[in-house]
Amino acid sequence: MASVAEQLSNIQKRVEHLIALCSALQEENDLLKLESDVLNAALNASKNKVKELEEKLSVMMVAKSFSQTNEKNLDIKQKINEFVQEIDKCIVLLKK
């Protein structure tokens, strides 16, 4: 059997080893927390960018729908004007 001094020395070595492991794990934990913070910041920035782009897309779609509506209105007005001109020509012909 080992003497008390040897056992105490063995326990002391194990404790020092555990302290070193704990220190290494603490450093790794700190690095992982820092990486997590960086990734969360990047995620938030990406979410904000997506929200901004969705808003721009919505505005563009509304503008496009107005543009198409205006083109249709112009086409309709032009056709109405053409019909009015044809009716005016017919009325002039009927008066003769």
Protein backbone atom coordinates (compact mmCIF):
# COMPACT_ATOMS: atom_id res chain seq x y z
CA MET A 1 0.00 0.00 0.00
CA ALA A 2 1.12 3.51 -0.78
CA SER A 3 1.98 5.82 2.00
CA VAL A 4 -0.16 8.79 2.91
CA ALA A 5 2.41 11.15 1.39
CA GLU A 6 2.28 9.30 -1.92
CA GLN A 7 -1.52 9.30 -1.90
CA LEU A 8 -1.55 13.00 -1.09
CA SER A 9 0.91 13.68 -3.90
CA ASN A 10 -1.21 11.62 -6.30
CA ILE A 11 -4.36 13.50 -5.27
CA GLN A 12 -2.53 16.81 -5.67
CA LYS A 13 -1.45 15.87 -9.23
CA ARG A 14 -5.03 14.88 -10.11
CA VAL A 15 -6.41 18.13 -8.70
CA GLU A 16 -3.84 20.13 -10.69
CA HIS A 17 -4.81 18.18 -13.80
CA LEU A 18 -8.51 18.87 -13.16
CA ILE A 19 -7.79 22.57 -12.61
CA ALA A 20 -5.90 22.69 -15.92
CA LEU A 21 -8.80 20.94 -17.68
CA CYS A 22 -11.28 23.33 -16.06
CA SER A 23 -9.21 26.31 -17.19
CA ALA A 24 -9.01 24.98 -20.75
CA LEU A 25 -12.75 24.33 -20.81
CA GLN A 26 -13.42 27.82 -19.47
CA GLU A 27 -11.31 29.34 -22.27
CA GLU A 28 -13.14 27.24 -24.84
CA ASN A 29 -16.48 28.27 -23.33
CA ASP A 30 -15.48 31.95 -23.54
CA LEU A 31 -14.50 31.52 -27.19
CA LEU A 32 -17.78 29.76 -27.96
CA LYS A 33 -19.75 32.53 -26.25
CA LEU A 34 -17.88 35.12 -28.32
CA GLU A 35 -18.54 33.15 -31.51
CA SER A 36 -22.20 32.83 -30.54
CA ASP A 37 -22.44 36.60 -30.04
CA VAL A 38 -20.85 37.23 -33.44
CA LEU A 39 -23.19 34.76 -35.14
CA ASN A 40 -26.23 36.26 -33.40
CA ALA A 41 -25.19 39.73 -34.57
CA ALA A 42 -24.79 38.42 -38.14
CA LEU A 43 -28.17 36.70 -37.93
CA ASN A 44 -29.85 39.89 -36.73
CA ALA A 45 -28.18 41.87 -39.52
CA SER A 46 -29.38 39.29 -42.05
CA LYS A 47 -32.92 39.41 -40.65
CA ASN A 48 -32.91 43.19 -40.92
CA LYS A 49 -31.62 43.01 -44.49
CA VAL A 50 -34.32 40.46 -45.41
CA LYS A 51 -37.00 42.68 -43.85
CA GLU A 52 -35.66 45.70 -45.76
CA LEU A 53 -35.61 43.77 -49.04
CA GLU A 54 -39.14 42.46 -48.44
CA GLU A 55 -40.33 46.03 -47.90
CA LYS A 56 -38.60 47.14 -51.12
CA LEU A 57 -40.17 44.22 -52.98
CA SER A 58 -43.59 45.16 -51.64
CA VAL A 59 -43.12 48.76 -52.77
CA MET A 60 -41.93 47.62 -56.19
CA MET A 61 -44.91 45.30 -56.60
CA VAL A 62 -47.32 48.12 -55.70
CA ALA A 63 -45.54 50.46 -58.10
CA LYS A 64 -45.68 47.83 -60.83
CA SER A 65 -49.40 47.29 -60.29
CA PHE A 66 -49.98 51.06 -60.51
CA SER A 67 -47.87 51.18 -63.65
CA GLN A 68 -49.89 48.41 -65.26
CA THR A 69 -53.14 50.04 -64.18
CA ASN A 70 -52.04 53.36 -65.66
CA GLU A 71 -51.08 51.68 -68.93
CA LYS A 72 -54.45 49.94 -69.07
CA ASN A 73 -56.23 53.20 -68.30
CA LEU A 74 -54.28 54.95 -71.05
CA ASP A 75 -55.15 52.18 -73.50
CA ILE A 76 -58.83 52.37 -72.54
CA LYS A 77 -58.87 56.16 -72.82
CA GLN A 78 -57.19 55.97 -76.22
CA LYS A 79 -59.75 53.45 -77.46
CA ILE A 80 -62.61 55.59 -76.13
CA ASN A 81 -61.15 58.60 -77.94
CA GLU A 82 -60.92 56.57 -81.15
CA PHE A 83 -64.57 55.50 -80.79
CA VAL A 84 -65.65 59.10 -80.15
CA GLN A 85 -63.80 60.22 -83.27
CA GLU A 86 -65.47 57.49 -85.32
CA ILE A 87 -68.88 58.46 -83.92
CA ASP A 88 -68.19 62.12 -84.74
CA LYS A 89 -67.30 61.12 -88.32
CA CYS A 90 -70.51 59.11 -88.58
CA ILE A 91 -72.58 62.03 -87.27
CA VAL A 92 -70.95 64.36 -89.81
CA LEU A 93 -71.75 61.87 -92.58
CA LEU A 94 -75.36 61.56 -91.39
CA LYS A 95 -75.83 65.34 -91.41
CA LYS A 96 -74.86 65.55 -95.08
